[in-house]
PDB file of N, CA and C in Angstrom:
ATOM      1  N   SER A   1     140.849 161.794  78.003  1.00  0.00           N
ATOM      2  CA  SER A   1     140.636 162.333  79.337  1.00  0.00           C
ATOM      3  C   SER A   1     140.915 163.834  79.339  1.00  0.00           C
ATOM      4  N   PHE A   2     140.379 164.528  80.313  1.00  0.00           N
ATOM      5  CA  PHE A   2     140.494 165.982  80.365  1.00  0.00           C
ATOM      6  C   PHE A   2     141.935 166.476  80.406  1.00  0.00           C
ATOM      7  N   PRO A   3     142.837 165.922  81.255  1.00  0.00           N
ATOM      8  CA  PRO A   3     144.199 166.461  81.287  1.00  0.00           C
ATOM      9  C   PRO A   3     144.903 166.367  79.942  1.00  0.00           C
ATOM     10  N   VAL A   4     144.722 165.267  79.224  1.00  0.00           N
ATOM     11  CA  VAL A   4     145.366 165.136  77.920  1.00  0.00           C
ATOM     12  C   VAL A   4     144.755 166.128  76.946  1.00  0.00           C
ATOM     13  N   LEU A   5     143.433 166.301  76.997  1.00  0.00           N
ATOM     14  CA  LEU A   5     142.772 167.261  76.119  1.00  0.00           C
ATOM     15  C   LEU A   5     143.286 168.666  76.397  1.00  0.00           C
ATOM     16  N   ALA A   6     143.400 169.028  77.658  1.00  0.00           N
ATOM     17  CA  ALA A   6     143.901 170.357  78.018  1.00  0.00           C
ATOM     18  C   ALA A   6     145.345 170.535  77.554  1.00  0.00           C
ATOM     19  N   CYS A   7     146.178 169.536  77.770  1.00  0.00           N
ATOM     20  CA  CYS A   7     147.576 169.602  77.329  1.00  0.00           C
ATOM     21  C   CYS A   7     147.656 169.656  75.810  1.00  0.00           C
ATOM     22  N   SER A   8     146.834 168.861  75.149  1.00  0.00           N
ATOM     23  CA  SER A   8     146.836 168.822  73.692  1.00  0.00           C
ATOM     24  C   SER A   8     146.425 170.164  73.107  1.00  0.00           C
ATOM     25  N   THR A   9     145.438 170.795  73.718  1.00  0.00           N
ATOM     26  CA  THR A   9     144.985 172.106  73.250  1.00  0.00           C
ATOM     27  C   THR A   9     146.093 173.138  73.424  1.00  0.00           C
ATOM     28  N   LYS A  10     146.788 173.088  74.544  1.00  0.00           N
ATOM     29  CA  LYS A  10     147.848 174.058  74.848  1.00  0.00           C
ATOM     30  C   LYS A  10     149.124 173.784  74.043  1.00  0.00           C
ATOM     31  N   LEU A  11     149.531 172.526  73.967  1.00  0.00           N
ATOM     32  CA  LEU A  11     150.804 172.175  73.340  1.00  0.00           C
ATOM     33  C   LEU A  11     150.690 171.835  71.859  1.00  0.00           C
ATOM     34  N   GLY A  12     149.481 171.526  71.423  1.00  0.00           N
ATOM     35  CA  GLY A  12     149.266 171.199  70.009  1.00  0.00           C
ATOM     36  C   GLY A  12     150.136 170.041  69.560  1.00  0.00           C
ATOM     37  N   PRO A  13     150.811 170.193  68.418  1.00  0.00           N
ATOM     38  CA  PRO A  13     151.596 169.080  67.861  1.00  0.00           C
ATOM     39  C   PRO A  13     152.850 168.737  68.655  1.00  0.00           C
ATOM     40  N   HIS A  14     153.178 169.529  69.677  1.00  0.00           N
ATOM     41  CA  HIS A  14     154.357 169.231  70.497  1.00  0.00           C
ATOM     42  C   HIS A  14     154.093 168.118  71.505  1.00  0.00           C
ATOM     43  N   LEU A  15     152.823 167.830  71.797  1.00  0.00           N
ATOM     44  CA  LEU A  15     152.473 166.768  72.744  1.00  0.00           C
ATOM     45  C   LEU A  15     152.357 165.447  72.002  1.00  0.00           C
ATOM     46  N   LYS A  16     153.068 164.445  72.472  1.00  0.00           N
ATOM     47  CA  LYS A  16     153.009 163.103  71.891  1.00  0.00           C
ATOM     48  C   LYS A  16     152.698 162.101  72.995  1.00  0.00           C
ATOM     49  N   VAL A  17     151.608 161.375  72.848  1.00  0.00           N
ATOM     50  CA  VAL A  17     151.264 160.311  73.783  1.00  0.00           C
ATOM     51  C   VAL A  17     151.940 159.047  73.266  1.00  0.00           C
ATOM     52  N   MET A  18     152.946 158.575  73.996  1.00  0.00           N
ATOM     53  CA  MET A  18     153.725 157.414  73.560  1.00  0.00           C
ATOM     54  C   MET A  18     152.989 156.112  73.817  1.00  0.00           C
ATOM     55  N   ALA A  19     152.223 156.063  74.912  1.00  0.00           N
ATOM     56  CA  ALA A  19     151.572 154.807  75.276  1.00  0.00           C
ATOM     57  C   ALA A  19     150.317 155.066  76.098  1.00  0.00           C
ATOM     58  N   LEU A  20     149.374 154.162  75.950  1.00  0.00           N
ATOM     59  CA  LEU A  20     148.221 154.072  76.840  1.00  0.00           C
ATOM     60  C   LEU A  20     148.401 152.775  77.603  1.00  0.00           C
ATOM     61  N   ILE A  21     148.374 152.837  78.904  1.00  0.00           N
ATOM     62  CA  ILE A  21     148.495 151.631  79.716  1.00  0.00           C
ATOM     63  C   ILE A  21     147.129 151.397  80.333  1.00  0.00           C
ATOM     64  N   GLU A  22     146.501 150.319  79.884  1.00  0.00           N
ATOM     65  CA  GLU A  22     145.102 150.053  80.240  1.00  0.00           C
ATOM     66  C   GLU A  22     144.869 148.549  80.227  1.00  0.00           C
ATOM     67  N   PRO A  23     144.445 147.966  81.356  1.00  0.00           N
ATOM     68  CA  PRO A  23     144.181 146.523  81.393  1.00  0.00           C
ATOM     69  C   PRO A  23     143.119 146.074  80.386  1.00  0.00           C
ATOM     70  N   ALA A  24     142.170 146.936  80.080  1.00  0.00           N
ATOM     71  CA  ALA A  24     141.115 146.606  79.107  1.00  0.00           C
ATOM     72  C   ALA A  24     141.598 147.036  77.717  1.00  0.00           C
ATOM     73  N   ILE A  25     142.391 146.173  77.091  1.00  0.00           N
ATOM     74  CA  ILE A  25     143.039 146.476  75.810  1.00  0.00           C
ATOM     75  C   ILE A  25     142.024 146.861  74.732  1.00  0.00           C
ATOM     76  N   LYS A  26     140.936 146.130  74.646  1.00  0.00           N
ATOM     77  CA  LYS A  26     139.926 146.409  73.621  1.00  0.00           C
ATOM     78  C   LYS A  26     139.365 147.826  73.797  1.00  0.00           C
ATOM     79  N   HIS A  27     139.077 148.186  75.032  1.00  0.00           N
ATOM     80  CA  HIS A  27     138.572 149.531  75.339  1.00  0.00           C
ATOM     81  C   HIS A  27     139.615 150.592  74.964  1.00  0.00           C
ATOM     82  N   ALA A  28     140.864 150.360  75.338  1.00  0.00           N
ATOM     83  CA  ALA A  28     141.934 151.318  75.039  1.00  0.00           C
ATOM     84  C   ALA A  28     142.093 151.508  73.536  1.00  0.00           C
ATOM     85  N   ASN A  29     142.037 150.417  72.783  1.00  0.00           N
ATOM     86  CA  ASN A  29     142.161 150.521  71.324  1.00  0.00           C
ATOM     87  C   ASN A  29     140.997 151.293  70.714  1.00  0.00           C
ATOM     88  N   ALA A  30     139.802 151.115  71.258  1.00  0.00           N
ATOM     89  CA  ALA A  30     138.632 151.855  70.762  1.00  0.00           C
ATOM     90  C   ALA A  30     138.794 153.351  71.031  1.00  0.00           C
ATOM     91  N   ILE A  31     139.252 153.703  72.215  1.00  0.00           N
ATOM     92  CA  ILE A  31     139.488 155.114  72.557  1.00  0.00           C
ATOM     93  C   ILE A  31     140.584 155.689  71.664  1.00  0.00           C
ATOM     94  N   LEU A  32     141.647 154.928  71.476  1.00  0.00           N
ATOM     95  CA  LEU A  32     142.757 155.383  70.644  1.00  0.00           C
ATOM     96  C   LEU A  32     142.303 155.624  69.206  1.00  0.00           C
ATOM     97  N   GLU A  33     141.462 154.746  68.690  1.00  0.00           N
ATOM     98  CA  GLU A  33     140.950 154.922  67.329  1.00  0.00           C
ATOM     99  C   GLU A  33     140.154 156.228  67.213  1.00  0.00           C
ATOM    100  N   LYS A  34     139.327 156.515  68.212  1.00  0.00           N
ATOM    101  CA  LYS A  34     138.563 157.779  68.206  1.00  0.00           C
ATOM    102  C   LYS A  34     139.505 158.979  68.229  1.00  0.00           C
ATOM    103  N   LYS A  35     140.520 158.913  69.069  1.00  0.00           N
ATOM    104  CA  LYS A  35     141.473 160.022  69.170  1.00  0.00           C
ATOM    105  C   LYS A  35     142.215 160.232  67.848  1.00  0.00           C
ATOM    106  N   CYS A  36     142.576 159.132  67.191  1.00  0.00           N
ATOM    107  CA  CYS A  36     143.311 159.222  65.926  1.00  0.00           C
ATOM    108  C   CYS A  36     142.446 159.748  64.785  1.00  0.00           C
ATOM    109  N   ASN A  37     141.142 159.766  64.978  1.00  0.00           N
ATOM    110  CA  ASN A  37     140.226 160.295  63.969  1.00  0.00           C
ATOM    111  C   ASN A  37     139.628 161.629  64.400  1.00  0.00           C
ATOM    112  N   SER A  38     140.332 162.349  65.271  1.00  0.00           N
ATOM    113  CA  SER A  38     139.830 163.629  65.773  1.00  0.00           C
ATOM    114  C   SER A  38     140.891 164.713  65.551  1.00  0.00           C
ATOM    115  N   PHE A  39     140.606 165.903  66.042  1.00  0.00           N
ATOM    116  CA  PHE A  39     141.536 167.020  65.865  1.00  0.00           C
ATOM    117  C   PHE A  39     142.847 166.836  66.630  1.00  0.00           C
ATOM    118  N   VAL A  40     142.919 165.865  67.542  1.00  0.00           N
ATOM    119  CA  VAL A  40     144.155 165.604  68.292  1.00  0.00           C
ATOM    120  C   VAL A  40     144.946 164.438  67.701  1.00  0.00           C
ATOM    121  N   MET A  41     144.680 164.124  66.444  1.00  0.00           N
ATOM    122  CA  MET A  41     145.315 162.948  65.836  1.00  0.00           C
ATOM    123  C   MET A  41     146.840 162.996  65.896  1.00  0.00           C
ATOM    124  N   SER A  42     147.448 164.163  65.753  1.00  0.00           N
ATOM    125  CA  SER A  42     148.912 164.224  65.783  1.00  0.00           C
ATOM    126  C   SER A  42     149.457 163.871  67.166  1.00  0.00           C
ATOM    127  N   THR A  43     148.681 164.117  68.202  1.00  0.00           N
ATOM    128  CA  THR A  43     149.088 163.775  69.566  1.00  0.00           C
ATOM    129  C   THR A  43     149.192 162.262  69.745  1.00  0.00           C
ATOM    130  N   TYR A  44     148.315 161.524  69.072  1.00  0.00           N
ATOM    131  CA  TYR A  44     148.226 160.072  69.261  1.00  0.00           C
ATOM    132  C   TYR A  44     148.853 159.259  68.133  1.00  0.00           C
ATOM    133  N   ALA A  45     149.439 159.904  67.143  1.00  0.00           N
ATOM    134  CA  ALA A  45     150.090 159.169  66.054  1.00  0.00           C
ATOM    135  C   ALA A  45     151.234 158.342  66.636  1.00  0.00           C
ATOM    136  N   GLY A  46     151.216 157.056  66.430  1.00  0.00           N
ATOM    137  CA  GLY A  46     152.262 156.179  66.940  1.00  0.00           C
ATOM    138  C   GLY A  46     152.054 155.689  68.362  1.00  0.00           C
ATOM    139  N   THR A  47     150.952 156.064  69.002  1.00  0.00           N
ATOM    140  CA  THR A  47     150.682 155.608  70.372  1.00  0.00           C
ATOM    141  C   THR A  47     150.466 154.100  70.384  1.00  0.00           C
ATOM    142  N   ARG A  48     151.095 153.435  71.342  1.00  0.00           N
ATOM    143  CA  ARG A  48     150.911 151.990  71.499  1.00  0.00           C
ATOM    144  C   ARG A  48     150.159 151.717  72.794  1.00  0.00           C
ATOM    145  N   VAL A  49     149.457 150.590  72.822  1.00  0.00           N
ATOM    146  CA  VAL A  49     148.647 150.204  73.986  1.00  0.00           C
ATOM    147  C   VAL A  49     149.319 149.030  74.698  1.00  0.00           C
ATOM    148  N   PHE A  50     149.391 149.134  76.025  1.00  0.00           N
ATOM    149  CA  PHE A  50     149.969 148.080  76.856  1.00  0.00           C
ATOM    150  C   PHE A  50     149.019 147.775  78.001  1.00  0.00           C
ATOM    151  N   LYS A  51     149.005 146.513  78.402  1.00  0.00           N
ATOM    152  CA  LYS A  51     148.117 146.083  79.486  1.00  0.00           C
ATOM    153  C   LYS A  51     148.628 146.521  80.858  1.00  0.00           C
ATOM    154  N   THR A  52     149.949 146.571  81.014  1.00  0.00           N
ATOM    155  CA  THR A  52     150.544 146.932  82.307  1.00  0.00           C
ATOM    156  C   THR A  52     151.728 147.879  82.109  1.00  0.00           C
ATOM    157  N   LEU A  53     152.089 148.574  83.173  1.00  0.00           N
ATOM    158  CA  LEU A  53     153.271 149.430  83.142  1.00  0.00           C
ATOM    159  C   LEU A  53     154.521 148.596  82.891  1.00  0.00           C
ATOM    160  N   ASP A  54     154.628 147.449  83.549  1.00  0.00           N
ATOM    161  CA  ASP A  54     155.794 146.583  83.343  1.00  0.00           C
ATOM    162  C   ASP A  54     155.913 146.149  81.888  1.00  0.00           C
ATOM    163  N   ASN A  55     154.787 145.859  81.252  1.00  0.00           N
ATOM    164  CA  ASN A  55     154.791 145.469  79.841  1.00  0.00           C
ATOM    165  C   ASN A  55     155.301 146.616  78.971  1.00  0.00           C
ATOM    166  N   PHE A  56     154.880 147.832  79.280  1.00  0.00           N
ATOM    167  CA  PHE A  56     155.375 149.005  78.550  1.00  0.00           C
ATOM    168  C   PHE A  56     156.881 149.141  78.720  1.00  0.00           C
ATOM    169  N   VAL A  57     157.360 149.060  79.961  1.00  0.00           N
ATOM    170  CA  VAL A  57     158.783 149.237  80.243  1.00  0.00           C
ATOM    171  C   VAL A  57     159.613 148.193  79.496  1.00  0.00           C
ATOM    172  N   LYS A  58     159.150 146.944  79.472  1.00  0.00           N
ATOM    173  CA  LYS A  58     159.884 145.870  78.792  1.00  0.00           C
ATOM    174  C   LYS A  58     159.916 146.053  77.284  1.00  0.00           C
ATOM    175  N   ASN A  59     158.898 146.702  76.722  1.00  0.00           N
ATOM    176  CA  ASN A  59     158.771 146.813  75.267  1.00  0.00           C
ATOM    177  C   ASN A  59     158.962 148.219  74.719  1.00  0.00           C
ATOM    178  N   MET A  60     159.303 149.166  75.576  1.00  0.00           N
ATOM    179  CA  MET A  60     159.427 150.544  75.091  1.00  0.00           C
ATOM    180  C   MET A  60     160.723 150.738  74.319  1.00  0.00           C
ATOM    181  N   PHE A  61     160.677 151.678  73.406  1.00  0.00           N
ATOM    182  CA  PHE A  61     161.862 152.089  72.669  1.00  0.00           C
ATOM    183  C   PHE A  61     162.553 153.180  73.491  1.00  0.00           C
ATOM    184  N   PRO A  62     163.861 153.365  73.335  1.00  0.00           N
ATOM    185  CA  PRO A  62     164.545 154.413  74.110  1.00  0.00           C
ATOM    186  C   PRO A  62     163.878 155.787  73.972  1.00  0.00           C
ATOM    187  N   GLU A  63     163.379 156.099  72.791  1.00  0.00           N
ATOM    188  CA  GLU A  63     162.733 157.403  72.580  1.00  0.00           C
ATOM    189  C   GLU A  63     161.347 157.490  73.225  1.00  0.00           C
ATOM    190  N   ASP A  64     160.833 156.375  73.763  1.00  0.00           N
ATOM    191  CA  ASP A  64     159.528 156.368  74.434  1.00  0.00           C
ATOM    192  C   ASP A  64     159.609 156.784  75.901  1.00  0.00           C
ATOM    193  N   ARG A  65     160.819 157.016  76.409  1.00  0.00           N
ATOM    194  CA  ARG A  65     160.944 157.396  77.824  1.00  0.00           C
ATOM    195  C   ARG A  65     160.142 158.674  78.050  1.00  0.00           C
ATOM    196  N   PRO A  66     159.175 158.613  78.969  1.00  0.00           N
ATOM    197  CA  PRO A  66     158.283 159.768  79.139  1.00  0.00           C
ATOM    198  C   PRO A  66     158.937 160.946  79.862  1.00  0.00           C
ATOM    199  N   CYS A  67     158.500 162.133  79.476  1.00  0.00           N
ATOM    200  CA  CYS A  67     158.856 163.368  80.195  1.00  0.00           C
ATOM    201  C   CYS A  67     157.830 163.619  81.287  1.00  0.00           C
ATOM    202  N   ALA A  68     156.608 163.152  81.028  1.00  0.00           N
ATOM    203  CA  ALA A  68     155.500 163.326  81.970  1.00  0.00           C
ATOM    204  C   ALA A  68     154.563 162.138  81.839  1.00  0.00           C
ATOM    205  N   VAL A  69     153.874 161.825  82.928  1.00  0.00           N
ATOM    206  CA  VAL A  69     152.906 160.732  82.945  1.00  0.00           C
ATOM    207  C   VAL A  69     151.613 161.266  83.549  1.00  0.00           C
ATOM    208  N   ILE A  70     150.503 160.982  82.881  1.00  0.00           N
ATOM    209  CA  ILE A  70     149.190 161.341  83.409  1.00  0.00           C
ATOM    210  C   ILE A  70     148.566 160.078  83.981  1.00  0.00           C
ATOM    211  N   VAL A  71     148.257 160.099  85.272  1.00  0.00           N
ATOM    212  CA  VAL A  71     147.628 158.959  85.934  1.00  0.00           C
ATOM    213  C   VAL A  71     146.126 159.229  85.992  1.00  0.00           C
ATOM    214  N   GLY A  72     145.366 158.376  85.324  1.00  0.00           N
ATOM    215  CA  GLY A  72     143.912 158.504  85.317  1.00  0.00           C
ATOM    216  C   GLY A  72     143.244 157.250  85.835  1.00  0.00           C
ATOM    217  N   SER A  73     143.901 156.564  86.754  1.00  0.00           N
ATOM    218  CA  SER A  73     143.374 155.314  87.308  1.00  0.00           C
ATOM    219  C   SER A  73     142.301 155.583  88.349  1.00  0.00           C
ATOM    220  N   PRO A  74     141.328 154.671  88.456  1.00  0.00           N
ATOM    221  CA  PRO A  74     140.350 154.797  89.549  1.00  0.00           C
ATOM    222  C   PRO A  74     141.071 154.735  90.899  1.00  0.00           C
ATOM    223  N   PRO A  75     140.523 155.384  91.930  1.00  0.00           N
ATOM    224  CA  PRO A  75     141.190 155.452  93.233  1.00  0.00           C
ATOM    225  C   PRO A  75     141.575 154.104  93.830  1.00  0.00           C
ATOM    226  N   MET A  76     140.829 153.043  93.509  1.00  0.00           N
ATOM    227  CA  MET A  76     141.162 151.746  94.104  1.00  0.00           C
ATOM    228  C   MET A  76     142.449 151.135  93.539  1.00  0.00           C
ATOM    229  N   PHE A  77     143.007 151.729  92.480  1.00  0.00           N
ATOM    230  CA  PHE A  77     144.228 151.198  91.877  1.00  0.00           C
ATOM    231  C   PHE A  77     145.441 152.099  92.076  1.00  0.00           C
ATOM    232  N   CYS A  78     145.285 153.177  92.811  1.00  0.00           N
ATOM    233  CA  CYS A  78     146.415 154.082  93.000  1.00  0.00           C
ATOM    234  C   CYS A  78     146.325 154.748  94.368  1.00  0.00           C
ATOM    235  N   ARG A  79     147.290 155.604  94.653  1.00  0.00           N
ATOM    236  CA  ARG A  79     147.361 156.346  95.911  1.00  0.00           C
ATOM    237  C   ARG A  79     147.493 155.444  97.140  1.00  0.00           C
ATOM    238  N   SER A  80     148.286 154.396  96.996  1.00  0.00           N
ATOM    239  CA  SER A  80     148.488 153.465  98.096  1.00  0.00           C
ATOM    240  C   SER A  80     149.923 152.958  98.039  1.00  0.00           C
ATOM    241  N   LEU A  81     150.350 152.325  99.096  1.00  0.00           N
ATOM    242  CA  LEU A  81     151.657 151.668  99.104  1.00  0.00           C
ATOM    243  C   LEU A  81     151.525 150.170  98.882  1.00  0.00           C
ATOM    244  N   GLN A  82     150.285 149.669  98.790  1.00  0.00           N
ATOM    245  CA  GLN A  82     150.054 148.241  98.588  1.00  0.00           C
ATOM    246  C   GLN A  82     150.323 147.865  97.133  1.00  0.00           C
ATOM    247  N   PRO A  83     151.058 146.761  96.900  1.00  0.00           N
ATOM    248  CA  PRO A  83     151.292 146.306  95.530  1.00  0.00           C
ATOM    249  C   PRO A  83     149.972 146.139  94.776  1.00  0.00           C
ATOM    250  N   GLY A  84     149.962 146.601  93.546  1.00  0.00           N
ATOM    251  CA  GLY A  84     148.759 146.544  92.732  1.00  0.00           C
ATOM    252  C   GLY A  84     147.884 147.775  92.873  1.00  0.00           C
ATOM    253  N   HIS A  85     148.211 148.593  93.867  1.00  0.00           N
ATOM    254  CA  HIS A  85     147.451 149.826  94.121  1.00  0.00           C
ATOM    255  C   HIS A  85     148.399 151.026  94.234  1.00  0.00           C
ATOM    256  N   ASP A  86     149.595 150.862  93.712  1.00  0.00           N
ATOM    257  CA  ASP A  86     150.659 151.854  93.903  1.00  0.00           C
ATOM    258  C   ASP A  86     151.278 152.308  92.583  1.00  0.00           C
ATOM    259  N   ILE A  87     150.449 152.581  91.595  1.00  0.00           N
ATOM    260  CA  ILE A  87     150.959 152.883  90.257  1.00  0.00           C
ATOM    261  C   ILE A  87     151.919 154.072  90.256  1.00  0.00           C
ATOM    262  N   GLU A  88     151.653 155.076  91.086  1.00  0.00           N
ATOM    263  CA  GLU A  88     152.556 156.230  91.121  1.00  0.00           C
ATOM    264  C   GLU A  88     153.959 155.822  91.571  1.00  0.00           C
ATOM    265  N   ILE A  89     154.036 154.965  92.578  1.00  0.00           N
ATOM    266  CA  ILE A  89     155.332 154.478  93.079  1.00  0.00           C
ATOM    267  C   ILE A  89     156.039 153.687  91.985  1.00  0.00           C
ATOM    268  N   GLN A  90     155.293 152.830  91.291  1.00  0.00           N
ATOM    269  CA  GLN A  90     155.885 152.027  90.224  1.00  0.00           C
ATOM    270  C   GLN A  90     156.405 152.911  89.087  1.00  0.00           C
ATOM    271  N   ILE A  91     155.640 153.934  88.730  1.00  0.00           N
ATOM    272  CA  ILE A  91     156.084 154.860  87.677  1.00  0.00           C
ATOM    273  C   ILE A  91     157.399 155.515  88.082  1.00  0.00           C
ATOM    274  N   LEU A  92     157.473 155.995  89.318  1.00  0.00           N
ATOM    275  CA  LEU A  92     158.686 156.680  89.773  1.00  0.00           C
ATOM    276  C   LEU A  92     159.878 155.737  89.902  1.00  0.00           C
ATOM    277  N   LYS A  93     159.633 154.452  90.180  1.00  0.00           N
ATOM    278  CA  LYS A  93     160.733 153.476  90.211  1.00  0.00           C
ATOM    279  C   LYS A  93     161.318 153.297  88.813  1.00  0.00           C
ATOM    280  N   HIS A  94     160.450 153.219  87.813  1.00  0.00           N
ATOM    281  CA  HIS A  94     160.910 153.027  86.434  1.00  0.00           C
ATOM    282  C   HIS A  94     161.446 154.310  85.811  1.00  0.00           C
ATOM    283  N   PHE A  95     160.875 155.450  86.203  1.00  0.00           N
ATOM    284  CA  PHE A  95     161.221 156.732  85.588  1.00  0.00           C
ATOM    285  C   PHE A  95     161.459 157.796  86.662  1.00  0.00           C
ATOM    286  N   PRO A  96     162.568 157.683  87.409  1.00  0.00           N
ATOM    287  CA  PRO A  96     162.833 158.652  88.480  1.00  0.00           C
ATOM    288  C   PRO A  96     162.820 160.085  87.936  1.00  0.00           C
ATOM    289  N   GLY A  97     162.164 160.956  88.669  1.00  0.00           N
ATOM    290  CA  GLY A  97     162.143 162.361  88.293  1.00  0.00           C
ATOM    291  C   GLY A  97     161.107 162.761  87.263  1.00  0.00           C
ATOM    292  N   VAL A  98     160.346 161.802  86.744  1.00  0.00           N
ATOM    293  CA  VAL A  98     159.325 162.134  85.746  1.00  0.00           C
ATOM    294  C   VAL A  98     158.233 162.989  86.396  1.00  0.00           C
ATOM    295  N   THR A  99     157.652 163.883  85.621  1.00  0.00           N
ATOM    296  CA  THR A  99     156.544 164.700  86.113  1.00  0.00           C
ATOM    297  C   THR A  99     155.276 163.870  86.114  1.00  0.00           C
ATOM    298  N   LEU A 100     154.556 163.878  87.228  1.00  0.00           N
ATOM    299  CA  LEU A 100     153.292 163.144  87.338  1.00  0.00           C
ATOM    300  C   LEU A 100     152.126 164.121  87.397  1.00  0.00           C
ATOM    301  N   PHE A 101     151.135 163.878  86.561  1.00  0.00           N
ATOM    302  CA  PHE A 101     149.862 164.589  86.633  1.00  0.00           C
ATOM    303  C   PHE A 101     148.849 163.564  87.108  1.00  0.00           C
ATOM    304  N   ILE A 102     148.242 163.799  88.261  1.00  0.00           N
ATOM    305  CA  ILE A 102     147.290 162.845  88.822  1.00  0.00           C
ATOM    306  C   ILE A 102     145.897 163.409  88.629  1.00  0.00           C
ATOM    307  N   GLU A 103     145.107 162.685  87.825  1.00  0.00           N
ATOM    308  CA  GLU A 103     143.800 163.181  87.399  1.00  0.00           C
ATOM    309  C   GLU A 103     142.781 163.256  88.521  1.00  0.00           C
ATOM    310  N   LYS A 104     142.820 162.329  89.425  1.00  0.00           N
ATOM    311  CA  LYS A 104     141.809 162.240  90.482  1.00  0.00           C
ATOM    312  C   LYS A 104     142.301 162.932  91.751  1.00  0.00           C
ATOM    313  N   PRO A 105     141.435 163.107  92.734  1.00  0.00           N
ATOM    314  CA  PRO A 105     141.900 163.659  94.016  1.00  0.00           C
ATOM    315  C   PRO A 105     142.988 162.775  94.624  1.00  0.00           C
ATOM    316  N   ILE A 106     143.920 163.388  95.301  1.00  0.00           N
ATOM    317  CA  ILE A 106     145.038 162.651  95.900  1.00  0.00           C
ATOM    318  C   ILE A 106     144.575 161.745  97.027  1.00  0.00           C
ATOM    319  N   ALA A 107     143.672 162.197  97.864  1.00  0.00           N
ATOM    320  CA  ALA A 107     143.222 161.424  99.024  1.00  0.00           C
ATOM    321  C   ALA A 107     141.997 160.585  98.679  1.00  0.00           C
ATOM    322  N   THR A 108     141.896 159.437  99.331  1.00  0.00           N
ATOM    323  CA  THR A 108     140.715 158.588  99.154  1.00  0.00           C
ATOM    324  C   THR A 108     139.812 158.620 100.375  1.00  0.00           C
ATOM    325  N   GLY A 109     140.206 159.382 101.388  1.00  0.00           N
ATOM    326  CA  GLY A 109     139.398 159.472 102.606  1.00  0.00           C
ATOM    327  C   GLY A 109     139.358 160.900 103.121  1.00  0.00           C
ATOM    328  N   MET A 110     138.612 161.085 104.177  1.00  0.00           N
ATOM    329  CA  MET A 110     138.459 162.407 104.781  1.00  0.00           C
ATOM    330  C   MET A 110     139.679 162.747 105.624  1.00  0.00           C
ATOM    331  N   CYS A 111     140.034 164.002 105.664  1.00  0.00           N
ATOM    332  CA  CYS A 111     141.115 164.487 106.516  1.00  0.00           C
ATOM    333  C   CYS A 111     140.585 164.617 107.943  1.00  0.00           C
ATOM    334  N   HIS A 112     141.379 164.178 108.919  1.00  0.00           N
ATOM    335  CA  HIS A 112     140.939 164.262 110.324  1.00  0.00           C
ATOM    336  C   HIS A 112     141.659 165.369 111.038  1.00  0.00           C
TER     337      HIS A 112
END
């Protein structure tokens, strides 16, 4: 995704993607394989794929605690307070104070 590419270009080998959280595991693994065979391979070395945020939290190593999280979910799965559509809230519950980069527009509707 663009934010990771931009961060990777700026930070180079200092950026480490600890996990990809993606319900479509097969798709995530295919993307990860492409990344590991590209100029950003050091960014993705050791990256693990998880189906859910809860699965990541249950299986993460202490050194996997993120400093920042990039949210690239479609609008129907985030920017809400409804369970299942509140990934930002869930991230902050598990990782208080973490920096969030939200890839999509914040609002899903028009301002009145």
